[in-house]
């Protein structure tokens, strides 16, 4: 009777050990696959973040170029306003000369 109980306990222990080993192997394989996927995704994330940094740098350069162009435009517009004012003043001062010019 004791021998039968001992053998049943031994068999159950061996079955439990076998199940634990099989599950440990499955867990190890799953961990390997998951680690590979995490590595792939991490590499992809690093590539995307590098591309984002590059695009941000290009955007910053474009913004600086735009600000410089805006400053040049303001200066050109100020010069144009001065020239248009001078032209209008000259036209106003020489309006009386039109009387002497022939009409086409």
Protein backbone atom coordinates (compact mmCIF):
# COMPACT_ATOMS: atom_id res chain seq x y z
CA UNK A 1 0.00 0.00 0.00
CA UNK A 2 2.80 2.38 0.86
CA UNK A 3 4.70 1.27 -2.21
CA UNK A 4 1.68 2.03 -4.43
CA UNK A 5 1.27 5.48 -2.86
CA UNK A 6 4.99 6.11 -3.34
CA UNK A 7 4.83 5.05 -7.01
CA UNK A 8 1.71 7.18 -7.66
CA UNK A 9 3.43 10.18 -6.03
CA UNK A 10 6.58 9.56 -8.08
CA UNK A 11 4.61 9.29 -11.33
CA UNK A 12 2.65 12.46 -10.51
CA UNK A 13 5.88 14.28 -9.67
CA UNK A 14 7.47 13.18 -12.94
CA UNK A 15 4.37 14.23 -14.92
CA UNK A 16 4.37 17.60 -13.15
CA UNK A 17 8.07 18.03 -13.84
CA UNK A 18 7.51 17.13 -17.50
CA UNK A 19 4.64 19.64 -17.82
CA UNK A 20 6.75 22.33 -16.14
CA UNK A 21 9.68 21.67 -18.50
CA UNK A 22 7.43 21.72 -21.58
CA UNK A 23 5.86 25.01 -20.48
CA UNK A 24 9.26 26.48 -19.64
CA UNK A 25 10.50 25.61 -23.14
CA UNK A 26 7.37 27.14 -24.67
CA UNK A 27 7.85 30.26 -22.55
CA UNK A 28 11.52 30.50 -23.60
CA UNK A 29 10.56 30.21 -27.29
CA UNK A 30 7.81 32.80 -26.89
CA UNK A 31 10.28 35.12 -25.16
CA UNK A 32 12.72 34.68 -28.01
CA UNK A 33 10.07 35.53 -30.60
CA UNK A 34 8.80 38.48 -28.58
CA UNK A 35 12.33 39.78 -28.03
CA UNK A 36 12.96 39.63 -31.75
CA UNK A 37 9.75 41.53 -32.47
CA UNK A 38 10.62 44.14 -29.84
CA UNK A 39 14.06 44.51 -31.39
CA UNK A 40 12.57 44.95 -34.86
CA UNK A 41 10.04 47.49 -33.63
CA UNK A 42 12.70 49.33 -31.65
CA UNK A 43 14.90 49.54 -34.76
CA UNK A 44 11.95 50.79 -36.78
CA UNK A 45 11.17 53.36 -34.07
CA UNK A 46 14.78 54.58 -34.09
CA UNK A 47 14.72 54.95 -37.87
CA UNK A 48 11.46 56.88 -37.73
CA UNK A 49 12.70 59.13 -34.93
CA UNK A 50 15.90 59.84 -36.91
CA UNK A 51 13.77 60.72 -39.95
CA UNK A 52 11.59 62.95 -37.78
CA UNK A 53 14.66 64.74 -36.44
CA UNK A 54 15.89 65.25 -40.00
CA UNK A 55 12.53 66.65 -41.08
CA UNK A 56 12.44 68.97 -38.07
CA UNK A 57 15.92 70.26 -38.93
CA UNK A 58 14.84 70.86 -42.52
CA UNK A 59 11.71 72.60 -41.30
CA UNK A 60 13.80 74.80 -39.02
CA UNK A 61 16.10 75.72 -41.92
CA UNK A 62 13.09 76.45 -44.14
CA UNK A 63 11.58 78.62 -41.41
CA UNK A 64 14.83 80.60 -41.12
CA UNK A 65 14.92 81.01 -44.90
CA UNK A 66 11.33 82.22 -44.83
CA UNK A 67 12.11 84.77 -42.12
CA UNK A 68 15.09 86.05 -44.13
CA UNK A 69 12.96 86.29 -47.28
CA UNK A 70 10.26 88.14 -45.32
CA UNK A 71 12.85 90.63 -44.06
CA UNK A 72 14.10 91.19 -47.62
CA UNK A 73 10.52 91.61 -48.82
CA UNK A 74 9.85 94.23 -46.13
CA UNK A 75 12.98 96.14 -47.17
CA UNK A 76 12.04 95.95 -50.85
CA UNK A 77 8.49 97.03 -50.06
CA UNK A 78 9.79 100.02 -48.09
CA UNK A 79 12.02 101.01 -51.03
CA UNK A 80 9.06 100.63 -53.40
CA UNK A 81 6.90 102.81 -51.16
CA UNK A 82 9.60 105.50 -51.16
CA UNK A 83 9.92 105.32 -54.95
CA UNK A 84 6.14 105.39 -55.45
CA UNK A 85 5.87 108.39 -53.13
CA UNK A 86 8.63 110.19 -55.00
CA UNK A 87 6.97 109.38 -58.34
CA UNK A 88 3.60 110.63 -57.11
CA UNK A 89 5.27 113.81 -55.81
CA UNK A 90 7.02 114.36 -59.15
CA UNK A 91 3.76 113.81 -61.05
CA UNK A 92 1.98 116.28 -58.77
CA UNK A 93 4.71 118.89 -59.26
CA UNK A 94 4.78 118.51 -63.05
CA UNK A 95 1.05 118.29 -63.62
CA UNK A 96 0.92 121.87 -64.91
CA UNK A 97 3.35 120.93 -67.73
CA UNK A 98 0.73 118.67 -69.31
CA UNK A 99 -0.98 121.72 -70.68
CA UNK A 100 1.94 122.29 -73.00
CA UNK A 101 2.30 118.67 -74.14
CA UNK A 102 0.54 117.58 -77.36
CA UNK A 103 -2.38 115.21 -77.00
CA UNK A 104 -2.07 111.96 -78.90
